[in-house]
Amino acid sequence: MPMNHLLRKELEKIKKSLLELGALVEDRFRMAVRAIHQGDTDLCHQIIRGDHEIDAMEVELEEDCLKVLALHQPVAGDLRFLIVVIKINNDLERIADQAVNIAQRVIRIQGFNHDNYIPDYDAMAEMTGAMLKMSLDAFVNLDIALAETVRTMDADVDDMKNRFYDRIKADISQNPDKTGKFINMLLISRHLERIADHATNIAEEAIYMKKGEIVRHR
């Protein structure tokens, strides 16, 4: 079998594995958002227990990329593709870690048992989830316009996080006996914001894949 054909098969396999990981990470994100709404600690423990599965997939995918680099020594677009996959692979694993962090915060909030007050994370969670989906779509379709939209949305999520900070700070000053619960609520917004950051990274890698330009920090 010609070497070029073998390389194509390996690259397709790697792309398929990355998309499978992306779908699983999206599912974990949705589970984490559902856990926030429902205060479901059983669901939280399910997210935490399942994290090893994503870790294993991330390691296997990186090893597959390194194997192709060593055996086939790809150049140009193929080399760029592998670099992008390795970086997106890492961002997806970090997103899954943030889902675990959210699950841990929800468990702690439920443990305080002061009251049933939970701030409204709906808008922030919805925008963050949309960014994650759009960033993966931008990579699959090499859609620069969609990737740029994700980059724009990141500032909106940052603003939401800052408003959460102001609100929680006021809540703490009025209810100092609930400080621990409020800090965990604030950290949930921080974890959502970090997921948005990783989605932005993925979008920026889609731009690099398509144009060969590094747009970080611009």
N, C-alpha and C. Protein backbone atom coordinates (compact mmCIF):
# COMPACT_ATOMS: atom_id res chain seq x y z
N MET A 1 0.85 -1.20 0.00
CA MET A 1 0.00 0.00 0.00
C MET A 1 0.89 1.25 0.00
N PRO A 2 0.65 2.22 -0.89
CA PRO A 2 1.49 3.41 -0.95
C PRO A 2 1.51 4.15 0.38
N MET A 3 2.66 4.75 0.71
CA MET A 3 2.83 5.47 1.98
C MET A 3 1.81 6.60 2.12
N ASN A 4 1.54 7.31 1.00
CA ASN A 4 0.61 8.43 1.06
C ASN A 4 -0.79 7.96 1.44
N HIS A 5 -1.18 6.79 0.93
CA HIS A 5 -2.50 6.25 1.25
C HIS A 5 -2.58 5.87 2.73
N LEU A 6 -1.49 5.30 3.24
CA LEU A 6 -1.44 4.95 4.66
C LEU A 6 -1.57 6.20 5.53
N LEU A 7 -0.88 7.27 5.13
CA LEU A 7 -0.95 8.52 5.88
C LEU A 7 -2.38 9.06 5.90
N ARG A 8 -3.05 9.01 4.72
CA ARG A 8 -4.43 9.51 4.64
C ARG A 8 -5.33 8.73 5.61
N LYS A 9 -5.15 7.41 5.65
CA LYS A 9 -5.97 6.58 6.53
C LYS A 9 -5.72 6.94 7.99
N GLU A 10 -4.47 7.17 8.34
CA GLU A 10 -4.14 7.51 9.72
C GLU A 10 -4.71 8.87 10.10
N LEU A 11 -4.65 9.82 9.19
CA LEU A 11 -5.18 11.15 9.47
C LEU A 11 -6.70 11.12 9.63
N GLU A 12 -7.36 10.33 8.81
CA GLU A 12 -8.81 10.20 8.93
C GLU A 12 -9.19 9.55 10.27
N LYS A 13 -8.42 8.56 10.65
CA LYS A 13 -8.67 7.90 11.94
C LYS A 13 -8.51 8.89 13.10
N ILE A 14 -7.48 9.71 13.01
CA ILE A 14 -7.22 10.71 14.05
C ILE A 14 -8.35 11.74 14.10
N LYS A 15 -8.80 12.18 12.94
CA LYS A 15 -9.89 13.15 12.90
C LYS A 15 -11.16 12.56 13.51
N LYS A 16 -11.45 11.31 13.18
CA LYS A 16 -12.63 10.65 13.74
C LYS A 16 -12.52 10.55 15.26
N SER A 17 -11.35 10.21 15.76
CA SER A 17 -11.15 10.09 17.21
C SER A 17 -11.34 11.44 17.90
N LEU A 18 -10.84 12.50 17.26
CA LEU A 18 -11.00 13.83 17.85
C LEU A 18 -12.47 14.22 17.93
N LEU A 19 -13.22 13.93 16.88
CA LEU A 19 -14.65 14.27 16.87
C LEU A 19 -15.42 13.45 17.91
N GLU A 20 -15.02 12.20 18.10
CA GLU A 20 -15.65 11.38 19.14
C GLU A 20 -15.37 11.97 20.52
N LEU A 21 -14.15 12.40 20.73
CA LEU A 21 -13.80 13.04 22.00
C LEU A 21 -14.59 14.33 22.18
N GLY A 22 -14.70 15.11 21.11
CA GLY A 22 -15.45 16.35 21.18
C GLY A 22 -16.91 16.13 21.55
N ALA A 23 -17.52 15.10 20.96
CA ALA A 23 -18.92 14.79 21.27
C ALA A 23 -19.07 14.37 22.73
N LEU A 24 -18.12 13.59 23.23
CA LEU A 24 -18.19 13.15 24.62
C LEU A 24 -18.02 14.33 25.57
N VAL A 25 -17.11 15.23 25.24
CA VAL A 25 -16.88 16.41 26.09
C VAL A 25 -18.11 17.32 26.08
N GLU A 26 -18.72 17.49 24.92
CA GLU A 26 -19.97 18.27 24.86
C GLU A 26 -21.03 17.66 25.76
N ASP A 27 -21.12 16.34 25.77
CA ASP A 27 -22.10 15.66 26.61
C ASP A 27 -21.80 15.89 28.08
N ARG A 28 -20.53 15.85 28.47
CA ARG A 28 -20.17 16.10 29.87
C ARG A 28 -20.49 17.54 30.26
N PHE A 29 -20.30 18.46 29.34
CA PHE A 29 -20.65 19.85 29.62
C PHE A 29 -22.15 19.97 29.88
N ARG A 30 -22.96 19.34 29.02
CA ARG A 30 -24.41 19.40 29.20
C ARG A 30 -24.83 18.76 30.53
N MET A 31 -24.17 17.68 30.91
CA MET A 31 -24.45 17.05 32.19
C MET A 31 -24.14 18.00 33.35
N ALA A 32 -23.03 18.71 33.23
CA ALA A 32 -22.63 19.65 34.29
C ALA A 32 -23.66 20.77 34.43
N VAL A 33 -24.14 21.28 33.30
CA VAL A 33 -25.15 22.35 33.33
C VAL A 33 -26.44 21.82 33.96
N ARG A 34 -26.80 20.59 33.61
CA ARG A 34 -28.01 19.98 34.19
C ARG A 34 -27.84 19.80 35.70
N ALA A 35 -26.63 19.46 36.12
CA ALA A 35 -26.37 19.28 37.55
C ALA A 35 -26.53 20.60 38.30
N ILE A 36 -26.11 21.71 37.67
CA ILE A 36 -26.29 23.03 38.29
C ILE A 36 -27.78 23.30 38.52
N HIS A 37 -28.57 23.09 37.48
CA HIS A 37 -30.00 23.39 37.56
C HIS A 37 -30.71 22.51 38.59
N GLN A 38 -30.36 21.25 38.61
CA GLN A 38 -31.11 20.28 39.42
C GLN A 38 -30.50 20.04 40.80
N GLY A 39 -29.26 20.51 41.00
CA GLY A 39 -28.59 20.21 42.25
C GLY A 39 -28.42 18.71 42.44
N ASP A 40 -28.22 18.00 41.34
CA ASP A 40 -28.21 16.53 41.33
C ASP A 40 -26.80 16.02 41.65
N THR A 41 -26.59 15.62 42.90
CA THR A 41 -25.26 15.16 43.30
C THR A 41 -24.92 13.80 42.69
N ASP A 42 -25.93 12.96 42.43
CA ASP A 42 -25.66 11.68 41.77
C ASP A 42 -25.09 11.92 40.36
N LEU A 43 -25.67 12.88 39.66
CA LEU A 43 -25.17 13.23 38.34
C LEU A 43 -23.75 13.80 38.45
N CYS A 44 -23.51 14.58 39.48
CA CYS A 44 -22.16 15.13 39.70
C CYS A 44 -21.14 14.01 39.88
N HIS A 45 -21.48 13.03 40.69
CA HIS A 45 -20.55 11.91 40.90
C HIS A 45 -20.34 11.12 39.60
N GLN A 46 -21.36 11.03 38.78
CA GLN A 46 -21.23 10.36 37.49
C GLN A 46 -20.22 11.10 36.59
N ILE A 47 -20.28 12.43 36.60
CA ILE A 47 -19.33 13.24 35.81
C ILE A 47 -17.91 13.00 36.33
N ILE A 48 -17.75 13.02 37.64
CA ILE A 48 -16.42 12.86 38.24
C ILE A 48 -15.85 11.48 37.94
N ARG A 49 -16.68 10.44 38.12
CA ARG A 49 -16.20 9.07 37.87
C ARG A 49 -15.83 8.85 36.40
N GLY A 50 -16.52 9.53 35.49
CA GLY A 50 -16.28 9.31 34.06
C GLY A 50 -15.11 10.08 33.49
N ASP A 51 -14.46 10.90 34.32
CA ASP A 51 -13.38 11.75 33.78
C ASP A 51 -12.20 10.92 33.29
N HIS A 52 -11.95 9.77 33.91
CA HIS A 52 -10.81 8.95 33.50
C HIS A 52 -10.96 8.48 32.05
N GLU A 53 -12.21 8.31 31.60
CA GLU A 53 -12.45 7.88 30.22
C GLU A 53 -11.94 8.94 29.23
N ILE A 54 -12.22 10.19 29.52
CA ILE A 54 -11.76 11.28 28.66
C ILE A 54 -10.25 11.41 28.74
N ASP A 55 -9.69 11.28 29.93
CA ASP A 55 -8.23 11.34 30.07
C ASP A 55 -7.56 10.27 29.21
N ALA A 56 -8.10 9.06 29.24
CA ALA A 56 -7.52 7.96 28.46
C ALA A 56 -7.62 8.23 26.96
N MET A 57 -8.76 8.77 26.53
CA MET A 57 -8.92 9.09 25.10
C MET A 57 -7.95 10.18 24.67
N GLU A 58 -7.75 11.16 25.54
CA GLU A 58 -6.83 12.26 25.22
C GLU A 58 -5.40 11.75 25.05
N VAL A 59 -4.97 10.87 25.96
CA VAL A 59 -3.62 10.31 25.88
C VAL A 59 -3.47 9.46 24.62
N GLU A 60 -4.44 8.63 24.35
CA GLU A 60 -4.38 7.76 23.17
C GLU A 60 -4.31 8.56 21.87
N LEU A 61 -5.10 9.62 21.80
CA LEU A 61 -5.11 10.44 20.60
C LEU A 61 -3.77 11.15 20.41
N GLU A 62 -3.21 11.66 21.49
CA GLU A 62 -1.91 12.31 21.38
C GLU A 62 -0.84 11.31 20.93
N GLU A 63 -0.90 10.11 21.49
CA GLU A 63 0.08 9.08 21.09
C GLU A 63 -0.07 8.73 19.61
N ASP A 64 -1.31 8.67 19.12
CA ASP A 64 -1.54 8.39 17.70
C ASP A 64 -0.93 9.49 16.82
N CYS A 65 -1.10 10.73 17.25
CA CYS A 65 -0.53 11.85 16.48
C CYS A 65 1.00 11.78 16.46
N LEU A 66 1.59 11.49 17.60
CA LEU A 66 3.05 11.42 17.67
C LEU A 66 3.59 10.25 16.85
N LYS A 67 2.84 9.16 16.83
CA LYS A 67 3.25 8.01 16.03
C LYS A 67 3.27 8.35 14.53
N VAL A 68 2.23 9.07 14.09
CA VAL A 68 2.17 9.48 12.67
C VAL A 68 3.31 10.44 12.36
N LEU A 69 3.59 11.35 13.26
CA LEU A 69 4.70 12.29 13.05
C LEU A 69 6.02 11.55 12.91
N ALA A 70 6.22 10.52 13.73
CA ALA A 70 7.48 9.78 13.70
C ALA A 70 7.60 8.87 12.48
N LEU A 71 6.50 8.21 12.11
CA LEU A 71 6.56 7.22 11.03
C LEU A 71 6.46 7.83 9.63
N HIS A 72 5.66 8.89 9.51
CA HIS A 72 5.37 9.43 8.17
C HIS A 72 6.04 10.78 7.89
N GLN A 73 6.50 11.43 8.96
CA GLN A 73 7.14 12.73 8.81
C GLN A 73 6.36 13.64 7.85
N PRO A 74 5.09 13.92 8.18
CA PRO A 74 4.25 14.74 7.29
C PRO A 74 4.76 16.17 7.20
N VAL A 75 4.38 16.84 6.13
CA VAL A 75 4.79 18.23 5.91
C VAL A 75 3.55 19.05 5.54
N ALA A 76 3.74 20.35 5.46
CA ALA A 76 2.72 21.29 4.99
C ALA A 76 1.39 21.10 5.73
N GLY A 77 0.30 20.92 4.97
CA GLY A 77 -1.04 20.87 5.56
C GLY A 77 -1.23 19.70 6.51
N ASP A 78 -0.63 18.56 6.21
CA ASP A 78 -0.77 17.39 7.09
C ASP A 78 -0.10 17.63 8.43
N LEU A 79 1.07 18.26 8.39
CA LEU A 79 1.76 18.59 9.63
C LEU A 79 0.95 19.59 10.44
N ARG A 80 0.41 20.59 9.77
CA ARG A 80 -0.41 21.60 10.45
C ARG A 80 -1.63 20.94 11.10
N PHE A 81 -2.23 20.00 10.38
CA PHE A 81 -3.41 19.29 10.92
C PHE A 81 -3.06 18.58 12.22
N LEU A 82 -1.95 17.88 12.25
CA LEU A 82 -1.57 17.13 13.44
C LEU A 82 -1.26 18.07 14.61
N ILE A 83 -0.62 19.17 14.33
CA ILE A 83 -0.34 20.15 15.39
C ILE A 83 -1.65 20.67 15.98
N VAL A 84 -2.59 20.99 15.10
CA VAL A 84 -3.89 21.51 15.54
C VAL A 84 -4.63 20.45 16.36
N VAL A 85 -4.62 19.21 15.92
CA VAL A 85 -5.32 18.15 16.65
C VAL A 85 -4.75 17.99 18.06
N ILE A 86 -3.43 18.00 18.18
CA ILE A 86 -2.80 17.86 19.49
C ILE A 86 -3.24 18.99 20.43
N LYS A 87 -3.34 20.20 19.90
CA LYS A 87 -3.72 21.34 20.73
C LYS A 87 -5.22 21.30 21.07
N ILE A 88 -6.06 20.98 20.11
CA ILE A 88 -7.49 20.88 20.39
C ILE A 88 -7.77 19.74 21.35
N ASN A 89 -7.07 18.63 21.19
CA ASN A 89 -7.18 17.49 22.08
C ASN A 89 -6.95 17.92 23.53
N ASN A 90 -5.94 18.74 23.73
CA ASN A 90 -5.63 19.24 25.07
C ASN A 90 -6.74 20.15 25.59
N ASP A 91 -7.25 21.02 24.72
CA ASP A 91 -8.33 21.93 25.15
C ASP A 91 -9.59 21.15 25.52
N LEU A 92 -9.91 20.10 24.77
CA LEU A 92 -11.09 19.30 25.08
C LEU A 92 -10.94 18.61 26.45
N GLU A 93 -9.75 18.10 26.72
CA GLU A 93 -9.53 17.45 28.01
C GLU A 93 -9.67 18.47 29.15
N ARG A 94 -9.21 19.69 28.92
CA ARG A 94 -9.33 20.74 29.93
C ARG A 94 -10.80 21.13 30.15
N ILE A 95 -11.58 21.15 29.07
CA ILE A 95 -13.01 21.44 29.20
C ILE A 95 -13.68 20.38 30.07
N ALA A 96 -13.33 19.13 29.83
CA ALA A 96 -13.88 18.04 30.66
C ALA A 96 -13.47 18.22 32.12
N ASP A 97 -12.25 18.68 32.35
CA ASP A 97 -11.81 18.95 33.72
C ASP A 97 -12.66 20.04 34.36
N GLN A 98 -13.00 21.06 33.58
CA GLN A 98 -13.85 22.13 34.11
C GLN A 98 -15.25 21.62 34.43
N ALA A 99 -15.75 20.68 33.63
CA ALA A 99 -17.04 20.05 33.94
C ALA A 99 -16.97 19.32 35.29
N VAL A 100 -15.85 18.65 35.53
CA VAL A 100 -15.65 17.98 36.82
C VAL A 100 -15.61 19.02 37.94
N ASN A 101 -14.91 20.14 37.70
CA ASN A 101 -14.85 21.19 38.71
C ASN A 101 -16.24 21.72 39.05
N ILE A 102 -17.06 21.90 38.02
CA ILE A 102 -18.44 22.35 38.26
C ILE A 102 -19.19 21.34 39.10
N ALA A 103 -19.04 20.06 38.77
CA ALA A 103 -19.71 19.00 39.54
C ALA A 103 -19.29 19.05 41.00
N GLN A 104 -18.00 19.26 41.25
CA GLN A 104 -17.51 19.33 42.63
C GLN A 104 -18.10 20.53 43.37
N ARG A 105 -18.22 21.66 42.66
CA ARG A 105 -18.81 22.85 43.29
C ARG A 105 -20.28 22.62 43.63
N VAL A 106 -21.01 21.98 42.74
CA VAL A 106 -22.43 21.71 42.99
C VAL A 106 -22.58 20.83 44.23
N ILE A 107 -21.73 19.82 44.36
CA ILE A 107 -21.78 18.94 45.54
C ILE A 107 -21.54 19.76 46.81
N ARG A 108 -20.58 20.66 46.76
CA ARG A 108 -20.28 21.46 47.96
C ARG A 108 -21.43 22.41 48.29
N ILE A 109 -22.03 23.01 47.25
CA ILE A 109 -23.16 23.92 47.47
C ILE A 109 -24.31 23.17 48.14
N GLN A 110 -24.59 21.96 47.65
CA GLN A 110 -25.67 21.18 48.24
C GLN A 110 -25.36 20.83 49.70
N GLY A 111 -24.08 20.73 50.01
CA GLY A 111 -23.69 20.38 51.38
C GLY A 111 -23.90 21.50 52.38
N PHE A 112 -24.01 22.75 51.92
CA PHE A 112 -24.19 23.85 52.85
C PHE A 112 -25.61 23.88 53.43
N ASN A 113 -26.58 23.57 52.60
CA ASN A 113 -27.97 23.43 53.06
C ASN A 113 -28.55 24.68 53.71
N HIS A 114 -28.04 25.85 53.36
CA HIS A 114 -28.60 27.09 53.91
C HIS A 114 -30.01 27.34 53.36
N ASP A 115 -30.12 27.26 52.05
CA ASP A 115 -31.39 27.51 51.37
C ASP A 115 -31.26 26.96 49.95
N ASN A 116 -32.25 27.19 49.16
CA ASN A 116 -32.24 26.67 47.79
C ASN A 116 -31.82 27.72 46.77
N TYR A 117 -31.28 28.85 47.23
CA TYR A 117 -30.92 29.93 46.31
C TYR A 117 -29.74 29.52 45.42
N ILE A 118 -29.95 29.59 44.11
CA ILE A 118 -28.88 29.38 43.13
C ILE A 118 -29.03 30.49 42.09
N PRO A 119 -27.97 31.23 41.80
CA PRO A 119 -28.09 32.28 40.78
C PRO A 119 -28.39 31.68 39.40
N ASP A 120 -28.85 32.53 38.52
CA ASP A 120 -29.26 32.09 37.18
C ASP A 120 -28.04 32.03 36.26
N TYR A 121 -27.60 30.82 35.96
CA TYR A 121 -26.47 30.61 35.07
C TYR A 121 -26.90 30.38 33.62
N ASP A 122 -28.20 30.43 33.35
CA ASP A 122 -28.73 29.99 32.06
C ASP A 122 -28.05 30.67 30.87
N ALA A 123 -28.01 32.00 30.89
CA ALA A 123 -27.47 32.74 29.74
C ALA A 123 -25.99 32.41 29.54
N MET A 124 -25.25 32.35 30.62
CA MET A 124 -23.81 32.07 30.53
C MET A 124 -23.57 30.65 30.04
N ALA A 125 -24.32 29.70 30.60
CA ALA A 125 -24.15 28.30 30.19
C ALA A 125 -24.56 28.10 28.73
N GLU A 126 -25.65 28.76 28.32
CA GLU A 126 -26.11 28.62 26.95
C GLU A 126 -25.08 29.17 25.96
N MET A 127 -24.53 30.34 26.28
CA MET A 127 -23.54 30.93 25.37
C MET A 127 -22.26 30.10 25.34
N THR A 128 -21.84 29.61 26.50
CA THR A 128 -20.63 28.78 26.55
C THR A 128 -20.81 27.50 25.76
N GLY A 129 -21.97 26.86 25.93
CA GLY A 129 -22.25 25.64 25.16
C GLY A 129 -22.29 25.89 23.67
N ALA A 130 -22.87 27.02 23.28
CA ALA A 130 -22.91 27.38 21.86
C ALA A 130 -21.50 27.60 21.32
N MET A 131 -20.66 28.24 22.10
CA MET A 131 -19.27 28.47 21.67
C MET A 131 -18.53 27.15 21.47
N LEU A 132 -18.75 26.21 22.37
CA LEU A 132 -18.09 24.91 22.24
C LEU A 132 -18.52 24.20 20.96
N LYS A 133 -19.82 24.16 20.72
CA LYS A 133 -20.33 23.51 19.51
C LYS A 133 -19.83 24.23 18.25
N MET A 134 -19.91 25.55 18.25
CA MET A 134 -19.50 26.31 17.08
C MET A 134 -18.01 26.18 16.79
N SER A 135 -17.21 26.11 17.84
CA SER A 135 -15.76 26.00 17.63
C SER A 135 -15.41 24.66 16.98
N LEU A 136 -16.09 23.59 17.42
CA LEU A 136 -15.84 22.28 16.81
C LEU A 136 -16.34 22.24 15.37
N ASP A 137 -17.50 22.88 15.13
CA ASP A 137 -18.01 22.97 13.76
C ASP A 137 -17.05 23.77 12.87
N ALA A 138 -16.49 24.83 13.44
CA ALA A 138 -15.54 25.65 12.68
C ALA A 138 -14.31 24.84 12.28
N PHE A 139 -13.87 23.97 13.18
CA PHE A 139 -12.73 23.12 12.86
C PHE A 139 -13.08 22.10 11.79
N VAL A 140 -14.21 21.43 11.95
CA VAL A 140 -14.61 20.40 10.99
C VAL A 140 -14.78 20.98 9.59
N ASN A 141 -15.42 22.14 9.51
CA ASN A 141 -15.75 22.74 8.21
C ASN A 141 -14.75 23.81 7.78
N LEU A 142 -13.72 24.02 8.60
CA LEU A 142 -12.74 25.09 8.34
C LEU A 142 -13.47 26.40 8.02
N ASP A 143 -14.43 26.73 8.90
CA ASP A 143 -15.29 27.90 8.73
C ASP A 143 -14.70 29.08 9.51
N ILE A 144 -14.01 29.96 8.81
CA ILE A 144 -13.33 31.08 9.45
C ILE A 144 -14.33 32.05 10.07
N ALA A 145 -15.44 32.32 9.37
CA ALA A 145 -16.43 33.26 9.89
C ALA A 145 -17.01 32.76 11.20
N LEU A 146 -17.30 31.47 11.28
CA LEU A 146 -17.84 30.89 12.50
C LEU A 146 -16.81 30.96 13.63
N ALA A 147 -15.56 30.69 13.31
CA ALA A 147 -14.49 30.78 14.31
C ALA A 147 -14.36 32.20 14.85
N GLU A 148 -14.45 33.18 13.97
CA GLU A 148 -14.36 34.57 14.41
C GLU A 148 -15.55 34.96 15.29
N THR A 149 -16.71 34.39 15.00
CA THR A 149 -17.88 34.64 15.85
C THR A 149 -17.64 34.13 17.26
N VAL A 150 -17.04 32.95 17.38
CA VAL A 150 -16.71 32.40 18.69
C VAL A 150 -15.78 33.33 19.44
N ARG A 151 -14.79 33.86 18.75
CA ARG A 151 -13.83 34.77 19.39
C ARG A 151 -14.54 36.02 19.91
N THR A 152 -15.51 36.51 19.17
CA THR A 152 -16.27 37.68 19.60
C THR A 152 -17.11 37.38 20.84
N MET A 153 -17.70 36.20 20.86
CA MET A 153 -18.58 35.82 21.98
C MET A 153 -17.81 35.69 23.29
N ASP A 154 -16.52 35.43 23.23
CA ASP A 154 -15.73 35.23 24.45
C ASP A 154 -15.79 36.46 25.35
N ALA A 155 -15.79 37.64 24.75
CA ALA A 155 -15.86 38.87 25.55
C ALA A 155 -17.19 38.96 26.29
N ASP A 156 -18.27 38.49 25.67
CA ASP A 156 -19.59 38.52 26.32
C ASP A 156 -19.61 37.60 27.54
N VAL A 157 -18.99 36.43 27.43
CA VAL A 157 -18.93 35.52 28.57
C VAL A 157 -18.08 36.14 29.69
N ASP A 158 -17.00 36.80 29.33
CA ASP A 158 -16.18 37.49 30.34
C ASP A 158 -17.01 38.53 31.09
N ASP A 159 -17.83 39.28 30.36
CA ASP A 159 -18.69 40.29 31.00
C ASP A 159 -19.68 39.64 31.96
N MET A 160 -20.24 38.50 31.55
CA MET A 160 -21.17 37.79 32.43
C MET A 160 -20.48 37.35 33.71
N LYS A 161 -19.25 36.84 33.57
CA LYS A 161 -18.51 36.41 34.76
C LYS A 161 -18.27 37.59 35.69
N ASN A 162 -17.93 38.75 35.13
CA ASN A 162 -17.69 39.93 35.95
C ASN A 162 -18.96 40.38 36.67
N ARG A 163 -20.11 40.25 36.01
CA ARG A 163 -21.38 40.61 36.67
C ARG A 163 -21.69 39.63 37.80
N PHE A 164 -21.36 38.35 37.59
CA PHE A 164 -21.52 37.38 38.66
C PHE A 164 -20.67 37.77 39.87
N TYR A 165 -19.45 38.21 39.59
CA TYR A 165 -18.55 38.60 40.68
C TYR A 165 -19.17 39.74 41.50
N ASP A 166 -19.69 40.74 40.80
CA ASP A 166 -20.29 41.88 41.51
C ASP A 166 -21.50 41.44 42.33
N ARG A 167 -22.31 40.56 41.76
CA ARG A 167 -23.51 40.10 42.46
C ARG A 167 -23.15 39.27 43.68
N ILE A 168 -22.22 38.35 43.52
CA ILE A 168 -21.84 37.48 44.63
C ILE A 168 -21.17 38.28 45.74
N LYS A 169 -20.37 39.27 45.36
CA LYS A 169 -19.73 40.12 46.36
C LYS A 169 -20.79 40.83 47.22
N ALA A 170 -21.85 41.32 46.56
CA ALA A 170 -22.93 41.97 47.30
C ALA A 170 -23.66 40.96 48.19
N ASP A 171 -23.86 39.74 47.67
CA ASP A 171 -24.53 38.70 48.46
C ASP A 171 -23.72 38.36 49.72
N ILE A 172 -22.40 38.28 49.56
CA ILE A 172 -21.55 37.94 50.71
C ILE A 172 -21.62 39.03 51.77
N SER A 173 -21.61 40.28 51.33
CA SER A 173 -21.65 41.39 52.29
C SER A 173 -22.96 41.40 53.07
N GLN A 174 -24.05 40.95 52.44
CA GLN A 174 -25.35 40.94 53.10
C GLN A 174 -25.59 39.66 53.91
N ASN A 175 -24.90 38.58 53.52
CA ASN A 175 -25.09 37.29 54.19
C ASN A 175 -23.74 36.63 54.47
N PRO A 176 -22.94 37.21 55.35
CA PRO A 176 -21.58 36.68 55.57
C PRO A 176 -21.56 35.25 56.09
N ASP A 177 -22.66 34.79 56.68
CA ASP A 177 -22.70 33.41 57.18
C ASP A 177 -22.77 32.39 56.06
N LYS A 178 -23.07 32.86 54.83
CA LYS A 178 -23.17 31.97 53.67
C LYS A 178 -21.99 32.12 52.71
N THR A 179 -20.88 32.68 53.21
CA THR A 179 -19.75 32.99 52.34
C THR A 179 -19.25 31.77 51.58
N GLY A 180 -19.14 30.64 52.24
CA GLY A 180 -18.63 29.43 51.58
C GLY A 180 -19.48 29.03 50.39
N LYS A 181 -20.80 29.08 50.58
CA LYS A 181 -21.70 28.72 49.49
C LYS A 181 -21.56 29.71 48.34
N PHE A 182 -21.49 31.01 48.67
CA PHE A 182 -21.41 32.02 47.61
C PHE A 182 -20.10 31.91 46.82
N ILE A 183 -19.02 31.58 47.50
CA ILE A 183 -17.73 31.43 46.80
C ILE A 183 -17.79 30.28 45.80
N ASN A 184 -18.42 29.18 46.20
CA ASN A 184 -18.58 28.06 45.27
C ASN A 184 -19.46 28.44 44.09
N MET A 185 -20.48 29.26 44.33
CA MET A 185 -21.32 29.76 43.23
C MET A 185 -20.50 30.62 42.27
N LEU A 186 -19.65 31.47 42.85
CA LEU A 186 -18.79 32.31 42.01
C LEU A 186 -17.85 31.46 41.17
N LEU A 187 -17.32 30.41 41.78
CA LEU A 187 -16.37 29.56 41.06
C LEU A 187 -17.03 28.81 39.90
N ILE A 188 -18.31 28.50 40.02
CA ILE A 188 -19.02 27.89 38.89
C ILE A 188 -18.97 28.81 37.68
N SER A 189 -19.20 30.11 37.91
CA SER A 189 -19.13 31.06 36.80
C SER A 189 -17.72 31.12 36.24
N ARG A 190 -16.73 30.99 37.10
CA ARG A 190 -15.34 30.98 36.65
C ARG A 190 -15.07 29.75 35.78
N HIS A 191 -15.59 28.59 36.17
CA HIS A 191 -15.38 27.38 35.38
C HIS A 191 -16.06 27.49 34.01
N LEU A 192 -17.25 28.07 33.99
CA LEU A 192 -17.94 28.28 32.71
C LEU A 192 -17.12 29.21 31.81
N GLU A 193 -16.57 30.24 32.42
CA GLU A 193 -15.75 31.20 31.64
C GLU A 193 -14.50 30.52 31.08
N ARG A 194 -13.91 29.61 31.84
CA ARG A 194 -12.72 28.90 31.37
C ARG A 194 -13.09 27.97 30.21
N ILE A 195 -14.25 27.35 30.27
CA ILE A 195 -14.70 26.52 29.15
C ILE A 195 -14.83 27.37 27.89
N ALA A 196 -15.38 28.57 28.04
CA ALA A 196 -15.48 29.50 26.90
C ALA A 196 -14.10 29.84 26.36
N ASP A 197 -13.12 30.02 27.25
CA ASP A 197 -11.75 30.30 26.82
C ASP A 197 -11.19 29.15 25.98
N HIS A 198 -11.42 27.92 26.43
CA HIS A 198 -10.92 26.77 25.68
C HIS A 198 -11.64 26.63 24.34
N ALA A 199 -12.93 26.94 24.31
CA ALA A 199 -13.66 26.92 23.04
C ALA A 199 -13.07 27.95 22.08
N THR A 200 -12.70 29.11 22.62
CA THR A 200 -12.06 30.14 21.80
C THR A 200 -10.73 29.64 21.26
N ASN A 201 -9.97 28.94 22.09
CA ASN A 201 -8.70 28.36 21.62
C ASN A 201 -8.94 27.43 20.43
N ILE A 202 -9.98 26.60 20.53
CA ILE A 202 -10.30 25.67 19.43
C ILE A 202 -10.64 26.44 18.17
N ALA A 203 -11.43 27.50 18.31
CA ALA A 203 -11.79 28.32 17.15
C ALA A 203 -10.54 28.93 16.52
N GLU A 204 -9.62 29.36 17.35
CA GLU A 204 -8.38 29.97 16.83
C GLU A 204 -7.51 28.93 16.12
N GLU A 205 -7.56 27.70 16.59
CA GLU A 205 -6.82 26.64 15.90
C GLU A 205 -7.47 26.32 14.55
N ALA A 206 -8.79 26.45 14.46
CA ALA A 206 -9.47 26.27 13.17
C ALA A 206 -9.00 27.32 12.17
N ILE A 207 -8.82 28.54 12.64
CA ILE A 207 -8.31 29.61 11.78
C ILE A 207 -6.88 29.29 11.34
N TYR A 208 -6.07 28.83 12.28
CA TYR A 208 -4.69 28.46 11.93
C TYR A 208 -4.66 27.32 10.92
N MET A 209 -5.56 26.35 11.11
CA MET A 209 -5.63 25.21 10.19
C MET A 209 -5.94 25.67 8.77
N LYS A 210 -6.85 26.63 8.67
CA LYS A 210 -7.29 27.09 7.36
C LYS A 210 -6.31 28.07 6.72
N LYS A 211 -5.80 29.01 7.52
CA LYS A 211 -5.02 30.12 6.95
C LYS A 211 -3.53 30.08 7.28
N GLY A 212 -3.16 29.23 8.23
CA GLY A 212 -1.76 29.19 8.63
C GLY A 212 -1.34 30.40 9.43
N GLU A 213 -2.31 31.12 10.00
CA GLU A 213 -2.03 32.33 10.78
C GLU A 213 -2.36 32.09 12.25
N ILE A 214 -1.46 32.53 13.12
CA ILE A 214 -1.70 32.45 14.57
C ILE A 214 -2.39 33.74 14.99
N VAL A 215 -3.63 33.62 15.48
CA VAL A 215 -4.42 34.81 15.79
C VAL A 215 -4.58 35.02 17.30
N ARG A 216 -3.94 34.18 18.12
CA ARG A 216 -4.01 34.38 19.56
C ARG A 216 -3.52 35.77 19.94
N HIS A 217 -4.15 36.34 20.94
CA HIS A 217 -3.77 37.63 21.54
C HIS A 217 -4.01 38.82 20.63
N ARG A 218 -4.61 38.58 19.46
CA ARG A 218 -4.89 39.72 18.58
C ARG A 218 -6.20 40.37 18.98
